[in-house]
Amino acid sequence: MKNKLKVSLVFVGGLLVGALSIFMILGRISYLQYRDYVMMTAREQTFIASELRANRQRELQDRAEANLPQIVLAIHNDRKLQGASGAPQVLREIKYFYEHNSIPIPAEISGVLNDVPHDP
């Protein structure tokens, strides 16, 4: 009886230690992803501010527009990005950008954007 109790306590203790370790590791990963996102956003905003200050609005606009097809393809081809809560909204915004500005949708993403429903 004592032996079974001892084994049970060791098992439950190991379970608790394992659960706590996983909780701490996952929390740290989430924090690191958030930290990296904030740093990337800060660099991007600094770049935009520098370009605008140097009166290179047109070059900045051209670069941003050139990135739109890659963004659409990245979301379309990556299951994790597809599952992100903001993915449908991003695709709708890109589709709206092309429609609102009367810019033809590039052929490589037209099929993807045509399947995107309008605002719910």
N, C-alpha and C. Protein backbone atom coordinates (compact mmCIF):
# COMPACT_ATOMS: atom_id res chain seq x y z
N MET A 1 0.82 -1.19 0.00
CA MET A 1 0.00 0.00 0.00
C MET A 1 0.86 1.26 0.00
N LYS A 2 1.89 1.24 0.89
CA LYS A 2 2.79 2.40 0.96
C LYS A 2 3.51 2.61 -0.37
N ASN A 3 3.89 1.54 -1.00
CA ASN A 3 4.61 1.61 -2.26
C ASN A 3 3.74 2.22 -3.35
N LYS A 4 2.46 1.84 -3.42
CA LYS A 4 1.54 2.40 -4.41
C LYS A 4 1.32 3.89 -4.17
N LEU A 5 1.22 4.28 -2.90
CA LEU A 5 1.04 5.69 -2.56
C LEU A 5 2.26 6.50 -2.96
N LYS A 6 3.42 5.93 -2.71
CA LYS A 6 4.67 6.61 -3.05
C LYS A 6 4.78 6.80 -4.58
N VAL A 7 4.48 5.75 -5.33
CA VAL A 7 4.53 5.81 -6.79
C VAL A 7 3.51 6.82 -7.31
N SER A 8 2.33 6.84 -6.73
CA SER A 8 1.29 7.79 -7.14
C SER A 8 1.72 9.23 -6.89
N LEU A 9 2.31 9.49 -5.73
CA LEU A 9 2.77 10.84 -5.41
C LEU A 9 3.90 11.29 -6.35
N VAL A 10 4.82 10.39 -6.64
CA VAL A 10 5.91 10.71 -7.57
C VAL A 10 5.32 11.00 -8.96
N PHE A 11 4.36 10.18 -9.38
CA PHE A 11 3.73 10.38 -10.69
C PHE A 11 3.02 11.73 -10.76
N VAL A 12 2.21 12.04 -9.76
CA VAL A 12 1.48 13.32 -9.73
C VAL A 12 2.46 14.48 -9.65
N GLY A 13 3.50 14.34 -8.85
CA GLY A 13 4.52 15.39 -8.76
C GLY A 13 5.20 15.64 -10.09
N GLY A 14 5.54 14.56 -10.79
CA GLY A 14 6.16 14.68 -12.11
C GLY A 14 5.21 15.33 -13.11
N LEU A 15 3.95 14.98 -13.02
CA LEU A 15 2.95 15.59 -13.90
C LEU A 15 2.87 17.09 -13.66
N LEU A 16 2.84 17.49 -12.41
CA LEU A 16 2.77 18.92 -12.08
C LEU A 16 4.02 19.67 -12.55
N VAL A 17 5.17 19.09 -12.33
CA VAL A 17 6.42 19.72 -12.77
C VAL A 17 6.45 19.83 -14.30
N GLY A 18 6.03 18.78 -14.98
CA GLY A 18 5.98 18.80 -16.44
C GLY A 18 5.01 19.85 -16.96
N ALA A 19 3.83 19.92 -16.37
CA ALA A 19 2.83 20.91 -16.79
C ALA A 19 3.33 22.32 -16.54
N LEU A 20 3.94 22.55 -15.40
CA LEU A 20 4.49 23.87 -15.09
C LEU A 20 5.60 24.24 -16.06
N SER A 21 6.45 23.29 -16.39
CA SER A 21 7.54 23.56 -17.34
C SER A 21 7.01 23.91 -18.71
N ILE A 22 6.03 23.16 -19.18
CA ILE A 22 5.44 23.44 -20.49
C ILE A 22 4.77 24.82 -20.49
N PHE A 23 4.05 25.13 -19.43
CA PHE A 23 3.40 26.43 -19.31
C PHE A 23 4.43 27.56 -19.39
N MET A 24 5.55 27.40 -18.69
CA MET A 24 6.59 28.44 -18.70
C MET A 24 7.24 28.54 -20.07
N ILE A 25 7.50 27.42 -20.72
CA ILE A 25 8.13 27.44 -22.05
C ILE A 25 7.21 28.08 -23.07
N LEU A 26 5.95 27.70 -23.09
CA LEU A 26 5.00 28.28 -24.05
C LEU A 26 4.80 29.77 -23.80
N GLY A 27 4.77 30.17 -22.55
CA GLY A 27 4.65 31.59 -22.23
C GLY A 27 5.86 32.36 -22.73
N ARG A 28 7.02 31.78 -22.61
CA ARG A 28 8.25 32.44 -23.08
C ARG A 28 8.26 32.55 -24.60
N ILE A 29 7.81 31.51 -25.30
CA ILE A 29 7.76 31.55 -26.76
C ILE A 29 6.82 32.65 -27.22
N SER A 30 5.66 32.74 -26.58
CA SER A 30 4.69 33.77 -26.93
C SER A 30 5.29 35.15 -26.71
N TYR A 31 6.00 35.34 -25.59
CA TYR A 31 6.64 36.61 -25.31
C TYR A 31 7.69 36.94 -26.36
N LEU A 32 8.48 35.96 -26.77
CA LEU A 32 9.52 36.20 -27.76
C LEU A 32 8.91 36.58 -29.11
N GLN A 33 7.80 35.93 -29.49
CA GLN A 33 7.14 36.29 -30.74
C GLN A 33 6.62 37.71 -30.67
N TYR A 34 6.03 38.09 -29.56
CA TYR A 34 5.52 39.45 -29.38
C TYR A 34 6.66 40.45 -29.43
N ARG A 35 7.76 40.15 -28.75
CA ARG A 35 8.93 41.02 -28.73
C ARG A 35 9.47 41.23 -30.13
N ASP A 36 9.60 40.14 -30.90
CA ASP A 36 10.11 40.24 -32.26
C ASP A 36 9.16 41.05 -33.14
N TYR A 37 7.86 40.87 -32.95
CA TYR A 37 6.87 41.63 -33.73
C TYR A 37 6.99 43.12 -33.43
N VAL A 38 7.14 43.48 -32.17
CA VAL A 38 7.27 44.89 -31.81
C VAL A 38 8.53 45.48 -32.41
N MET A 39 9.63 44.76 -32.37
CA MET A 39 10.88 45.27 -32.94
C MET A 39 10.79 45.42 -34.45
N MET A 40 10.16 44.45 -35.11
CA MET A 40 9.99 44.53 -36.55
C MET A 40 9.11 45.73 -36.92
N THR A 41 8.04 45.95 -36.17
CA THR A 41 7.15 47.07 -36.43
C THR A 41 7.87 48.39 -36.19
N ALA A 42 8.68 48.46 -35.17
CA ALA A 42 9.44 49.69 -34.88
C ALA A 42 10.42 49.99 -36.01
N ARG A 43 11.10 48.97 -36.52
CA ARG A 43 12.03 49.18 -37.63
C ARG A 43 11.29 49.65 -38.87
N GLU A 44 10.14 49.05 -39.12
CA GLU A 44 9.33 49.42 -40.28
C GLU A 44 8.86 50.87 -40.18
N GLN A 45 8.41 51.27 -39.02
CA GLN A 45 7.95 52.65 -38.84
C GLN A 45 9.10 53.64 -38.99
N THR A 46 10.27 53.27 -38.50
CA THR A 46 11.45 54.13 -38.66
C THR A 46 11.82 54.27 -40.13
N PHE A 47 11.75 53.17 -40.86
CA PHE A 47 12.04 53.20 -42.30
C PHE A 47 11.04 54.10 -43.02
N ILE A 48 9.75 53.94 -42.71
CA ILE A 48 8.73 54.77 -43.36
C ILE A 48 8.95 56.23 -43.05
N ALA A 49 9.22 56.55 -41.81
CA ALA A 49 9.46 57.94 -41.43
C ALA A 49 10.68 58.51 -42.17
N SER A 50 11.73 57.72 -42.30
CA SER A 50 12.93 58.18 -43.01
C SER A 50 12.63 58.44 -44.49
N GLU A 51 11.88 57.54 -45.11
CA GLU A 51 11.54 57.71 -46.52
C GLU A 51 10.67 58.95 -46.73
N LEU A 52 9.70 59.14 -45.88
CA LEU A 52 8.83 60.31 -46.01
C LEU A 52 9.59 61.61 -45.75
N ARG A 53 10.48 61.59 -44.78
CA ARG A 53 11.28 62.78 -44.47
C ARG A 53 12.19 63.13 -45.64
N ALA A 54 12.64 62.12 -46.38
CA ALA A 54 13.53 62.35 -47.53
C ALA A 54 12.74 62.62 -48.81
N ASN A 55 11.44 62.82 -48.69
CA ASN A 55 10.57 63.11 -49.84
C ASN A 55 10.61 62.02 -50.90
N ARG A 56 10.64 60.77 -50.44
CA ARG A 56 10.62 59.64 -51.36
C ARG A 56 9.29 58.89 -51.25
N GLN A 57 8.20 59.64 -51.23
CA GLN A 57 6.88 59.05 -51.09
C GLN A 57 6.56 58.09 -52.23
N ARG A 58 6.89 58.48 -53.43
CA ARG A 58 6.56 57.66 -54.60
C ARG A 58 7.30 56.32 -54.55
N GLU A 59 8.60 56.36 -54.19
CA GLU A 59 9.38 55.12 -54.08
C GLU A 59 8.81 54.23 -52.98
N LEU A 60 8.41 54.86 -51.87
CA LEU A 60 7.82 54.11 -50.77
C LEU A 60 6.50 53.48 -51.20
N GLN A 61 5.70 54.22 -51.91
CA GLN A 61 4.42 53.70 -52.42
C GLN A 61 4.67 52.53 -53.36
N ASP A 62 5.63 52.68 -54.28
CA ASP A 62 5.93 51.61 -55.23
C ASP A 62 6.39 50.33 -54.51
N ARG A 63 7.24 50.49 -53.49
CA ARG A 63 7.71 49.32 -52.74
C ARG A 63 6.57 48.64 -52.00
N ALA A 64 5.71 49.45 -51.39
CA ALA A 64 4.58 48.88 -50.65
C ALA A 64 3.64 48.13 -51.58
N GLU A 65 3.34 48.72 -52.73
CA GLU A 65 2.46 48.06 -53.71
C GLU A 65 3.09 46.79 -54.26
N ALA A 66 4.40 46.80 -54.45
CA ALA A 66 5.09 45.62 -54.97
C ALA A 66 5.06 44.47 -53.96
N ASN A 67 4.93 44.78 -52.68
CA ASN A 67 4.89 43.74 -51.64
C ASN A 67 3.52 43.09 -51.51
N LEU A 68 2.48 43.71 -52.01
CA LEU A 68 1.13 43.17 -51.82
C LEU A 68 0.95 41.76 -52.40
N PRO A 69 1.41 41.49 -53.62
CA PRO A 69 1.25 40.10 -54.11
C PRO A 69 1.96 39.07 -53.24
N GLN A 70 3.15 39.40 -52.72
CA GLN A 70 3.87 38.45 -51.86
C GLN A 70 3.11 38.21 -50.56
N ILE A 71 2.46 39.25 -50.04
CA ILE A 71 1.68 39.10 -48.82
C ILE A 71 0.50 38.16 -49.07
N VAL A 72 -0.19 38.38 -50.18
CA VAL A 72 -1.34 37.53 -50.52
C VAL A 72 -0.89 36.08 -50.68
N LEU A 73 0.19 35.86 -51.41
CA LEU A 73 0.68 34.49 -51.63
C LEU A 73 1.16 33.85 -50.34
N ALA A 74 1.79 34.63 -49.48
CA ALA A 74 2.26 34.09 -48.20
C ALA A 74 1.08 33.62 -47.36
N ILE A 75 0.02 34.42 -47.29
CA ILE A 75 -1.16 34.02 -46.52
C ILE A 75 -1.82 32.81 -47.16
N HIS A 76 -1.92 32.84 -48.47
CA HIS A 76 -2.60 31.75 -49.19
C HIS A 76 -1.87 30.41 -49.07
N ASN A 77 -0.55 30.43 -49.03
CA ASN A 77 0.25 29.21 -49.05
C ASN A 77 0.67 28.69 -47.68
N ASP A 78 0.38 29.42 -46.61
CA ASP A 78 0.83 29.02 -45.28
C ASP A 78 -0.38 28.77 -44.38
N ARG A 79 -0.52 27.55 -43.91
CA ARG A 79 -1.69 27.20 -43.09
C ARG A 79 -1.75 27.99 -41.79
N LYS A 80 -0.60 28.27 -41.20
CA LYS A 80 -0.60 29.05 -39.95
C LYS A 80 -1.09 30.46 -40.21
N LEU A 81 -0.66 31.05 -41.31
CA LEU A 81 -1.12 32.40 -41.64
C LEU A 81 -2.60 32.39 -42.03
N GLN A 82 -3.04 31.36 -42.72
CA GLN A 82 -4.45 31.24 -43.08
C GLN A 82 -5.32 31.19 -41.83
N GLY A 83 -4.82 30.55 -40.81
CA GLY A 83 -5.58 30.40 -39.57
C GLY A 83 -5.54 31.61 -38.66
N ALA A 84 -4.72 32.60 -38.99
CA ALA A 84 -4.65 33.80 -38.16
C ALA A 84 -5.97 34.54 -38.23
N SER A 85 -6.37 35.11 -37.10
CA SER A 85 -7.67 35.77 -37.04
C SER A 85 -7.77 36.96 -37.99
N GLY A 86 -6.67 37.62 -38.27
CA GLY A 86 -6.71 38.80 -39.14
C GLY A 86 -6.51 38.52 -40.61
N ALA A 87 -6.24 37.28 -40.99
CA ALA A 87 -5.93 36.95 -42.38
C ALA A 87 -7.04 37.32 -43.35
N PRO A 88 -8.30 36.96 -43.08
CA PRO A 88 -9.35 37.34 -44.03
C PRO A 88 -9.49 38.85 -44.20
N GLN A 89 -9.32 39.58 -43.12
CA GLN A 89 -9.43 41.04 -43.19
C GLN A 89 -8.29 41.64 -44.02
N VAL A 90 -7.09 41.11 -43.86
CA VAL A 90 -5.95 41.60 -44.64
C VAL A 90 -6.20 41.35 -46.13
N LEU A 91 -6.67 40.17 -46.47
CA LEU A 91 -6.95 39.87 -47.87
C LEU A 91 -8.05 40.77 -48.42
N ARG A 92 -9.09 41.03 -47.61
CA ARG A 92 -10.15 41.95 -48.05
C ARG A 92 -9.61 43.36 -48.27
N GLU A 93 -8.73 43.81 -47.38
CA GLU A 93 -8.16 45.14 -47.52
C GLU A 93 -7.30 45.26 -48.77
N ILE A 94 -6.54 44.21 -49.08
CA ILE A 94 -5.72 44.24 -50.29
C ILE A 94 -6.61 44.24 -51.52
N LYS A 95 -7.65 43.42 -51.50
CA LYS A 95 -8.61 43.40 -52.62
C LYS A 95 -9.26 44.78 -52.78
N TYR A 96 -9.66 45.37 -51.66
CA TYR A 96 -10.27 46.70 -51.70
C TYR A 96 -9.28 47.74 -52.25
N PHE A 97 -8.00 47.61 -51.87
CA PHE A 97 -6.98 48.55 -52.37
C PHE A 97 -6.96 48.54 -53.90
N TYR A 98 -6.92 47.35 -54.48
CA TYR A 98 -6.88 47.25 -55.94
C TYR A 98 -8.16 47.79 -56.56
N GLU A 99 -9.31 47.43 -55.99
CA GLU A 99 -10.58 47.88 -56.54
C GLU A 99 -10.76 49.39 -56.40
N HIS A 100 -10.47 49.90 -55.22
CA HIS A 100 -10.67 51.34 -54.94
C HIS A 100 -9.78 52.23 -55.80
N ASN A 101 -8.58 51.75 -56.07
CA ASN A 101 -7.63 52.56 -56.85
C ASN A 101 -7.65 52.21 -58.34
N SER A 102 -8.59 51.38 -58.74
CA SER A 102 -8.73 50.96 -60.14
C SER A 102 -7.42 50.42 -60.71
N ILE A 103 -6.74 49.61 -59.91
CA ILE A 103 -5.49 48.98 -60.32
C ILE A 103 -5.83 47.53 -60.65
N PRO A 104 -5.40 47.04 -61.81
CA PRO A 104 -5.67 45.64 -62.12
C PRO A 104 -4.97 44.71 -61.12
N ILE A 105 -5.68 43.70 -60.67
CA ILE A 105 -5.10 42.74 -59.74
C ILE A 105 -4.10 41.89 -60.50
N PRO A 106 -2.87 41.76 -59.99
CA PRO A 106 -1.87 40.93 -60.68
C PRO A 106 -2.39 39.51 -60.89
N ALA A 107 -2.03 38.93 -62.01
CA ALA A 107 -2.53 37.61 -62.39
C ALA A 107 -2.22 36.53 -61.35
N GLU A 108 -1.05 36.60 -60.72
CA GLU A 108 -0.66 35.53 -59.79
C GLU A 108 -1.51 35.52 -58.52
N ILE A 109 -2.22 36.61 -58.22
CA ILE A 109 -3.05 36.62 -57.01
C ILE A 109 -4.53 36.86 -57.31
N SER A 110 -4.89 37.01 -58.57
CA SER A 110 -6.28 37.31 -58.90
C SER A 110 -7.22 36.20 -58.45
N GLY A 111 -6.81 34.95 -58.62
CA GLY A 111 -7.65 33.83 -58.19
C GLY A 111 -7.88 33.82 -56.69
N VAL A 112 -6.83 34.14 -55.94
CA VAL A 112 -6.94 34.16 -54.48
C VAL A 112 -7.87 35.28 -54.04
N LEU A 113 -7.67 36.48 -54.60
CA LEU A 113 -8.47 37.62 -54.17
C LEU A 113 -9.91 37.54 -54.67
N ASN A 114 -10.13 36.89 -55.81
CA ASN A 114 -11.51 36.74 -56.30
C ASN A 114 -12.32 35.83 -55.37
N ASP A 115 -11.65 34.91 -54.66
CA ASP A 115 -12.34 34.01 -53.75
C ASP A 115 -12.61 34.66 -52.38
N VAL A 116 -12.04 35.83 -52.15
CA VAL A 116 -12.21 36.50 -50.87
C VAL A 116 -13.58 37.18 -50.84
N PRO A 117 -14.42 36.83 -49.85
CA PRO A 117 -15.73 37.48 -49.78
C PRO A 117 -15.59 38.93 -49.33
N HIS A 118 -16.57 39.73 -49.70
CA HIS A 118 -16.59 41.13 -49.23
C HIS A 118 -16.85 41.17 -47.74
N ASP A 119 -16.76 42.35 -47.16
CA ASP A 119 -16.95 42.50 -45.72
C ASP A 119 -18.20 41.77 -45.24
N PRO A 120 -18.04 41.05 -44.12
CA PRO A 120 -19.20 40.29 -43.60
C PRO A 120 -20.26 41.20 -43.03
